[in-house]
Amino acid sequence: MTTPYPPPPAAQPANDRTTLWGVLGIVIGLICCWPAGIVFGVLALQEAKKAGKPPTLAYIAFAASALNLIGSIIYWTSR
């Protein structure tokens, strides 16, 4: 007797550092301190290249850190 449904897809590896570094870079780079966001963005970029994944989260982390840097400059100069 055959089942009409295909087998479930293979599970993603539980150790996905690209997403971890990218999300940390976005959150920390946007909210807290932009240098740490850049560091996490670089880590996400390296892991994405190593794993063959798209580096979208790394680029967003760089942009979030840049926004925080620009906002900090504007805040401190207008103060």
PDB file of N, CA and C in Angstrom:
ATOM      1  N   MET A   1       0.837  -1.168   0.000  1.00  0.00           N
ATOM      2  CA  MET A   1       0.000   0.000   0.000  1.00  0.00           C
ATOM      3  C   MET A   1       0.888   1.239   0.000  1.00  0.00           C
ATOM      4  N   THR A   2       0.691   2.120  -0.940  1.00  0.00           N
ATOM      5  CA  THR A   2       1.492   3.331  -1.033  1.00  0.00           C
ATOM      6  C   THR A   2       0.716   4.508  -0.457  1.00  0.00           C
ATOM      7  N   THR A   3       1.458   5.447   0.069  1.00  0.00           N
ATOM      8  CA  THR A   3       0.820   6.638   0.617  1.00  0.00           C
ATOM      9  C   THR A   3       0.750   7.707  -0.464  1.00  0.00           C
ATOM     10  N   PRO A   4      -0.339   8.466  -0.522  1.00  0.00           N
ATOM     11  CA  PRO A   4      -0.469   9.492  -1.559  1.00  0.00           C
ATOM     12  C   PRO A   4       0.317  10.761  -1.253  1.00  0.00           C
ATOM     13  N   TYR A   5       0.873  10.849  -0.069  1.00  0.00           N
ATOM     14  CA  TYR A   5       1.595  12.064   0.323  1.00  0.00           C
ATOM     15  C   TYR A   5       3.090  11.850   0.210  1.00  0.00           C
ATOM     16  N   PRO A   6       3.826  12.868  -0.245  1.00  0.00           N
ATOM     17  CA  PRO A   6       5.291  12.713  -0.303  1.00  0.00           C
ATOM     18  C   PRO A   6       5.877  12.799   1.104  1.00  0.00           C
ATOM     19  N   PRO A   7       7.075  12.279   1.266  1.00  0.00           N
ATOM     20  CA  PRO A   7       7.692  12.358   2.594  1.00  0.00           C
ATOM     21  C   PRO A   7       7.988  13.812   2.964  1.00  0.00           C
ATOM     22  N   PRO A   8       8.052  14.110   4.255  1.00  0.00           N
ATOM     23  CA  PRO A   8       8.333  15.493   4.668  1.00  0.00           C
ATOM     24  C   PRO A   8       9.741  15.905   4.253  1.00  0.00           C
ATOM     25  N   PRO A   9       9.940  17.197   4.015  1.00  0.00           N
ATOM     26  CA  PRO A   9      11.281  17.647   3.616  1.00  0.00           C
ATOM     27  C   PRO A   9      12.285  17.484   4.754  1.00  0.00           C
ATOM     28  N   ALA A  10      13.526  17.401   4.382  1.00  0.00           N
ATOM     29  CA  ALA A  10      14.583  17.245   5.387  1.00  0.00           C
ATOM     30  C   ALA A  10      14.637  18.483   6.273  1.00  0.00           C
ATOM     31  N   ALA A  11      14.886  18.268   7.537  1.00  0.00           N
ATOM     32  CA  ALA A  11      14.931  19.371   8.494  1.00  0.00           C
ATOM     33  C   ALA A  11      16.188  20.213   8.275  1.00  0.00           C
ATOM     34  N   GLN A  12      16.048  21.510   8.499  1.00  0.00           N
ATOM     35  CA  GLN A  12      17.194  22.411   8.407  1.00  0.00           C
ATOM     36  C   GLN A  12      18.132  22.134   9.585  1.00  0.00           C
ATOM     37  N   PRO A  13      19.416  22.361   9.403  1.00  0.00           N
ATOM     38  CA  PRO A  13      20.321  22.154  10.537  1.00  0.00           C
ATOM     39  C   PRO A  13      20.005  23.125  11.664  1.00  0.00           C
ATOM     40  N   ALA A  14      20.105  22.640  12.873  1.00  0.00           N
ATOM     41  CA  ALA A  14      19.779  23.463  14.036  1.00  0.00           C
ATOM     42  C   ALA A  14      20.841  24.515  14.313  1.00  0.00           C
ATOM     43  N   ASN A  15      21.998  24.395  13.702  1.00  0.00           N
ATOM     44  CA  ASN A  15      23.106  25.294  13.977  1.00  0.00           C
ATOM     45  C   ASN A  15      23.254  26.299  12.824  1.00  0.00           C
ATOM     46  N   ASP A  16      22.339  27.251  12.739  1.00  0.00           N
ATOM     47  CA  ASP A  16      22.353  28.223  11.648  1.00  0.00           C
ATOM     48  C   ASP A  16      22.938  29.538  12.154  1.00  0.00           C
ATOM     49  N   ARG A  17      24.224  29.685  12.021  1.00  0.00           N
ATOM     50  CA  ARG A  17      24.897  30.874  12.540  1.00  0.00           C
ATOM     51  C   ARG A  17      24.695  32.098  11.670  1.00  0.00           C
ATOM     52  N   THR A  18      24.409  31.902  10.398  1.00  0.00           N
ATOM     53  CA  THR A  18      24.183  33.040   9.517  1.00  0.00           C
ATOM     54  C   THR A  18      22.994  33.854   9.994  1.00  0.00           C
ATOM     55  N   THR A  19      21.900  33.187  10.288  1.00  0.00           N
ATOM     56  CA  THR A  19      20.709  33.870  10.779  1.00  0.00           C
ATOM     57  C   THR A  19      20.959  34.463  12.163  1.00  0.00           C
ATOM     58  N   LEU A  20      21.640  33.730  13.011  1.00  0.00           N
ATOM     59  CA  LEU A  20      21.928  34.224  14.358  1.00  0.00           C
ATOM     60  C   LEU A  20      22.731  35.516  14.312  1.00  0.00           C
ATOM     61  N   TRP A  21      23.833  35.519  13.588  1.00  0.00           N
ATOM     62  CA  TRP A  21      24.679  36.718  13.520  1.00  0.00           C
ATOM     63  C   TRP A  21      23.948  37.865  12.829  1.00  0.00           C
ATOM     64  N   GLY A  22      23.183  37.555  11.805  1.00  0.00           N
ATOM     65  CA  GLY A  22      22.461  38.595  11.086  1.00  0.00           C
ATOM     66  C   GLY A  22      21.410  39.271  11.951  1.00  0.00           C
ATOM     67  N   VAL A  23      20.630  38.481  12.665  1.00  0.00           N
ATOM     68  CA  VAL A  23      19.584  39.053  13.526  1.00  0.00           C
ATOM     69  C   VAL A  23      20.216  39.823  14.678  1.00  0.00           C
ATOM     70  N   LEU A  24      21.268  39.283  15.267  1.00  0.00           N
ATOM     71  CA  LEU A  24      21.961  40.018  16.328  1.00  0.00           C
ATOM     72  C   LEU A  24      22.530  41.336  15.799  1.00  0.00           C
ATOM     73  N   GLY A  25      23.076  41.318  14.613  1.00  0.00           N
ATOM     74  CA  GLY A  25      23.614  42.542  14.025  1.00  0.00           C
ATOM     75  C   GLY A  25      22.544  43.587  13.787  1.00  0.00           C
ATOM     76  N   ILE A  26      21.371  43.158  13.329  1.00  0.00           N
ATOM     77  CA  ILE A  26      20.277  44.096  13.088  1.00  0.00           C
ATOM     78  C   ILE A  26      19.779  44.693  14.396  1.00  0.00           C
ATOM     79  N   VAL A  27      19.503  43.839  15.366  1.00  0.00           N
ATOM     80  CA  VAL A  27      18.921  44.307  16.631  1.00  0.00           C
ATOM     81  C   VAL A  27      19.912  45.169  17.396  1.00  0.00           C
ATOM     82  N   ILE A  28      21.109  44.687  17.584  1.00  0.00           N
ATOM     83  CA  ILE A  28      22.091  45.439  18.363  1.00  0.00           C
ATOM     84  C   ILE A  28      22.552  46.675  17.611  1.00  0.00           C
ATOM     85  N   GLY A  29      22.726  46.557  16.307  1.00  0.00           N
ATOM     86  CA  GLY A  29      23.162  47.703  15.508  1.00  0.00           C
ATOM     87  C   GLY A  29      22.136  48.805  15.456  1.00  0.00           C
ATOM     88  N   LEU A  30      20.866  48.466  15.501  1.00  0.00           N
ATOM     89  CA  LEU A  30      19.814  49.467  15.421  1.00  0.00           C
ATOM     90  C   LEU A  30      19.474  50.061  16.784  1.00  0.00           C
ATOM     91  N   ILE A  31      19.470  49.246  17.809  1.00  0.00           N
ATOM     92  CA  ILE A  31      19.024  49.706  19.126  1.00  0.00           C
ATOM     93  C   ILE A  31      20.173  50.218  19.986  1.00  0.00           C
ATOM     94  N   CYS A  32      21.228  49.492  20.043  1.00  0.00           N
ATOM     95  CA  CYS A  32      22.238  49.723  21.074  1.00  0.00           C
ATOM     96  C   CYS A  32      23.484  50.406  20.543  1.00  0.00           C
ATOM     97  N   CYS A  33      24.416  49.649  20.061  1.00  0.00           N
ATOM     98  CA  CYS A  33      25.689  50.240  19.642  1.00  0.00           C
ATOM     99  C   CYS A  33      26.048  49.768  18.238  1.00  0.00           C
ATOM    100  N   TRP A  34      26.332  50.728  17.391  1.00  0.00           N
ATOM    101  CA  TRP A  34      26.583  50.429  15.988  1.00  0.00           C
ATOM    102  C   TRP A  34      27.869  49.654  15.736  1.00  0.00           C
ATOM    103  N   PRO A  35      28.954  49.798  16.525  1.00  0.00           N
ATOM    104  CA  PRO A  35      30.144  48.987  16.224  1.00  0.00           C
ATOM    105  C   PRO A  35      29.893  47.485  16.395  1.00  0.00           C
ATOM    106  N   ALA A  36      29.118  47.120  17.407  1.00  0.00           N
ATOM    107  CA  ALA A  36      28.801  45.703  17.593  1.00  0.00           C
ATOM    108  C   ALA A  36      27.920  45.197  16.458  1.00  0.00           C
ATOM    109  N   GLY A  37      27.036  46.037  15.945  1.00  0.00           N
ATOM    110  CA  GLY A  37      26.212  45.659  14.808  1.00  0.00           C
ATOM    111  C   GLY A  37      27.042  45.384  13.571  1.00  0.00           C
ATOM    112  N   ILE A  38      28.072  46.184  13.371  1.00  0.00           N
ATOM    113  CA  ILE A  38      28.970  45.970  12.222  1.00  0.00           C
ATOM    114  C   ILE A  38      29.748  44.664  12.398  1.00  0.00           C
ATOM    115  N   VAL A  39      30.204  44.393  13.613  1.00  0.00           N
ATOM    116  CA  VAL A  39      30.941  43.149  13.872  1.00  0.00           C
ATOM    117  C   VAL A  39      30.047  41.943  13.591  1.00  0.00           C
ATOM    118  N   PHE A  40      28.819  41.972  14.093  1.00  0.00           N
ATOM    119  CA  PHE A  40      27.901  40.859  13.846  1.00  0.00           C
ATOM    120  C   PHE A  40      27.539  40.771  12.363  1.00  0.00           C
ATOM    121  N   GLY A  41      27.470  41.899  11.674  1.00  0.00           N
ATOM    122  CA  GLY A  41      27.221  41.877  10.234  1.00  0.00           C
ATOM    123  C   GLY A  41      28.350  41.216   9.475  1.00  0.00           C
ATOM    124  N   VAL A  42      29.582  41.493   9.883  1.00  0.00           N
ATOM    125  CA  VAL A  42      30.740  40.855   9.246  1.00  0.00           C
ATOM    126  C   VAL A  42      30.720  39.350   9.501  1.00  0.00           C
ATOM    127  N   LEU A  43      30.392  38.958  10.734  1.00  0.00           N
ATOM    128  CA  LEU A  43      30.301  37.526  11.040  1.00  0.00           C
ATOM    129  C   LEU A  43      29.214  36.855  10.207  1.00  0.00           C
ATOM    130  N   ALA A  44      28.070  37.526  10.059  1.00  0.00           N
ATOM    131  CA  ALA A  44      26.985  36.971   9.246  1.00  0.00           C
ATOM    132  C   ALA A  44      27.411  36.857   7.783  1.00  0.00           C
ATOM    133  N   LEU A  45      28.143  37.838   7.291  1.00  0.00           N
ATOM    134  CA  LEU A  45      28.609  37.808   5.905  1.00  0.00           C
ATOM    135  C   LEU A  45      29.577  36.651   5.678  1.00  0.00           C
ATOM    136  N   GLN A  46      30.491  36.445   6.611  1.00  0.00           N
ATOM    137  CA  GLN A  46      31.444  35.342   6.488  1.00  0.00           C
ATOM    138  C   GLN A  46      30.745  33.987   6.534  1.00  0.00           C
ATOM    139  N   GLU A  47      29.796  33.829   7.459  1.00  0.00           N
ATOM    140  CA  GLU A  47      29.071  32.562   7.564  1.00  0.00           C
ATOM    141  C   GLU A  47      28.206  32.311   6.335  1.00  0.00           C
ATOM    142  N   ALA A  48      27.614  33.370   5.785  1.00  0.00           N
ATOM    143  CA  ALA A  48      26.784  33.204   4.589  1.00  0.00           C
ATOM    144  C   ALA A  48      27.633  32.754   3.403  1.00  0.00           C
ATOM    145  N   LYS A  49      28.801  33.331   3.256  1.00  0.00           N
ATOM    146  CA  LYS A  49      29.687  32.927   2.159  1.00  0.00           C
ATOM    147  C   LYS A  49      30.152  31.491   2.343  1.00  0.00           C
ATOM    148  N   LYS A  50      30.437  31.117   3.592  1.00  0.00           N
ATOM    149  CA  LYS A  50      30.908  29.766   3.878  1.00  0.00           C
ATOM    150  C   LYS A  50      29.814  28.724   3.614  1.00  0.00           C
ATOM    151  N   ALA A  51      28.559  29.085   3.968  1.00  0.00           N
ATOM    152  CA  ALA A  51      27.447  28.142   3.819  1.00  0.00           C
ATOM    153  C   ALA A  51      26.782  28.235   2.454  1.00  0.00           C
ATOM    154  N   GLY A  52      27.150  29.211   1.645  1.00  0.00           N
ATOM    155  CA  GLY A  52      26.540  29.366   0.336  1.00  0.00           C
ATOM    156  C   GLY A  52      25.139  29.953   0.396  1.00  0.00           C
ATOM    157  N   LYS A  53      24.855  30.727   1.420  1.00  0.00           N
ATOM    158  CA  LYS A  53      23.542  31.351   1.585  1.00  0.00           C
ATOM    159  C   LYS A  53      23.601  32.807   1.144  1.00  0.00           C
ATOM    160  N   PRO A  54      22.446  33.408   0.873  1.00  0.00           N
ATOM    161  CA  PRO A  54      22.444  34.839   0.521  1.00  0.00           C
ATOM    162  C   PRO A  54      22.766  35.690   1.741  1.00  0.00           C
ATOM    163  N   PRO A  55      23.591  36.728   1.595  1.00  0.00           N
ATOM    164  CA  PRO A  55      24.012  37.546   2.736  1.00  0.00           C
ATOM    165  C   PRO A  55      23.069  38.715   3.037  1.00  0.00           C
ATOM    166  N   THR A  56      21.788  38.526   2.844  1.00  0.00           N
ATOM    167  CA  THR A  56      20.818  39.604   3.012  1.00  0.00           C
ATOM    168  C   THR A  56      20.810  40.154   4.433  1.00  0.00           C
ATOM    169  N   LEU A  57      20.813  39.278   5.431  1.00  0.00           N
ATOM    170  CA  LEU A  57      20.781  39.741   6.820  1.00  0.00           C
ATOM    171  C   LEU A  57      22.035  40.526   7.178  1.00  0.00           C
ATOM    172  N   ALA A  58      23.163  40.165   6.614  1.00  0.00           N
ATOM    173  CA  ALA A  58      24.393  40.910   6.878  1.00  0.00           C
ATOM    174  C   ALA A  58      24.288  42.323   6.318  1.00  0.00           C
ATOM    175  N   TYR A  59      23.730  42.448   5.114  1.00  0.00           N
ATOM    176  CA  TYR A  59      23.580  43.772   4.521  1.00  0.00           C
ATOM    177  C   TYR A  59      22.591  44.625   5.314  1.00  0.00           C
ATOM    178  N   ILE A  60      21.531  44.011   5.811  1.00  0.00           N
ATOM    179  CA  ILE A  60      20.567  44.751   6.636  1.00  0.00           C
ATOM    180  C   ILE A  60      21.217  45.172   7.948  1.00  0.00           C
ATOM    181  N   ALA A  61      22.067  44.323   8.516  1.00  0.00           N
ATOM    182  CA  ALA A  61      22.782  44.683   9.748  1.00  0.00           C
ATOM    183  C   ALA A  61      23.708  45.870   9.504  1.00  0.00           C
ATOM    184  N   PHE A  62      24.369  45.900   8.348  1.00  0.00           N
ATOM    185  CA  PHE A  62      25.219  47.045   8.013  1.00  0.00           C
ATOM    186  C   PHE A  62      24.382  48.317   7.883  1.00  0.00           C
ATOM    187  N   ALA A  63      23.239  48.216   7.240  1.00  0.00           N
ATOM    188  CA  ALA A  63      22.368  49.382   7.064  1.00  0.00           C
ATOM    189  C   ALA A  63      21.815  49.865   8.404  1.00  0.00           C
ATOM    190  N   ALA A  64      21.420  48.941   9.268  1.00  0.00           N
ATOM    191  CA  ALA A  64      20.895  49.318  10.579  1.00  0.00           C
ATOM    192  C   ALA A  64      21.977  50.006  11.411  1.00  0.00           C
ATOM    193  N   SER A  65      23.185  49.497  11.345  1.00  0.00           N
ATOM    194  CA  SER A  65      24.289  50.115  12.080  1.00  0.00           C
ATOM    195  C   SER A  65      24.608  51.502  11.531  1.00  0.00           C
ATOM    196  N   ALA A  66      24.537  51.647  10.215  1.00  0.00           N
ATOM    197  CA  ALA A  66      24.783  52.954   9.601  1.00  0.00           C
ATOM    198  C   ALA A  66      23.704  53.949  10.011  1.00  0.00           C
ATOM    199  N   LEU A  67      22.451  53.507  10.057  1.00  0.00           N
ATOM    200  CA  LEU A  67      21.373  54.389  10.521  1.00  0.00           C
ATOM    201  C   LEU A  67      21.581  54.827  11.957  1.00  0.00           C
ATOM    202  N   ASN A  68      22.019  53.904  12.797  1.00  0.00           N
ATOM    203  CA  ASN A  68      22.289  54.258  14.188  1.00  0.00           C
ATOM    204  C   ASN A  68      23.456  55.231  14.279  1.00  0.00           C
ATOM    205  N   LEU A  69      24.487  55.036  13.490  1.00  0.00           N
ATOM    206  CA  LEU A  69      25.631  55.947  13.483  1.00  0.00           C
ATOM    207  C   LEU A  69      25.206  57.345  13.032  1.00  0.00           C
ATOM    208  N   ILE A  70      24.439  57.432  11.960  1.00  0.00           N
ATOM    209  CA  ILE A  70      23.977  58.735  11.464  1.00  0.00           C
ATOM    210  C   ILE A  70      23.073  59.402  12.485  1.00  0.00           C
ATOM    211  N   GLY A  71      22.179  58.614  13.090  1.00  0.00           N
ATOM    212  CA  GLY A  71      21.317  59.175  14.131  1.00  0.00           C
ATOM    213  C   GLY A  71      22.097  59.664  15.334  1.00  0.00           C
ATOM    214  N   SER A  72      23.128  58.951  15.709  1.00  0.00           N
ATOM    215  CA  SER A  72      23.974  59.361  16.835  1.00  0.00           C
ATOM    216  C   SER A  72      24.730  60.660  16.506  1.00  0.00           C
ATOM    217  N   ILE A  73      25.236  60.758  15.298  1.00  0.00           N
ATOM    218  CA  ILE A  73      25.938  61.975  14.889  1.00  0.00           C
ATOM    219  C   ILE A  73      24.993  63.164  14.901  1.00  0.00           C
ATOM    220  N   ILE A  74      23.794  62.991  14.364  1.00  0.00           N
ATOM    221  CA  ILE A  74      22.811  64.065  14.359  1.00  0.00           C
ATOM    222  C   ILE A  74      22.431  64.455  15.783  1.00  0.00           C
ATOM    223  N   TYR A  75      22.237  63.466  16.633  1.00  0.00           N
ATOM    224  CA  TYR A  75      21.871  63.755  18.024  1.00  0.00           C
ATOM    225  C   TYR A  75      22.971  64.543  18.728  1.00  0.00           C
ATOM    226  N   TRP A  76      24.214  64.115  18.611  1.00  0.00           N
ATOM    227  CA  TRP A  76      25.295  64.758  19.337  1.00  0.00           C
ATOM    228  C   TRP A  76      25.667  66.115  18.764  1.00  0.00           C
ATOM    229  N   THR A  77      25.462  66.342  17.490  1.00  0.00           N
ATOM    230  CA  THR A  77      25.789  67.662  16.935  1.00  0.00           C
ATOM    231  C   THR A  77      24.686  68.681  17.193  1.00  0.00           C
ATOM    232  N   SER A  78      23.442  68.228  17.296  1.00  0.00           N
ATOM    233  CA  SER A  78      22.343  69.171  17.545  1.00  0.00           C
ATOM    234  C   SER A  78      22.097  69.397  19.025  1.00  0.00           C
ATOM    235  N   ARG A  79      22.800  68.743  19.853  1.00  0.00           N
ATOM    236  CA  ARG A  79      22.609  68.827  21.297  1.00  0.00           C
ATOM    237  C   ARG A  79      23.137  70.092  21.810  1.00  0.00           C
TER     238      ARG A  79
END
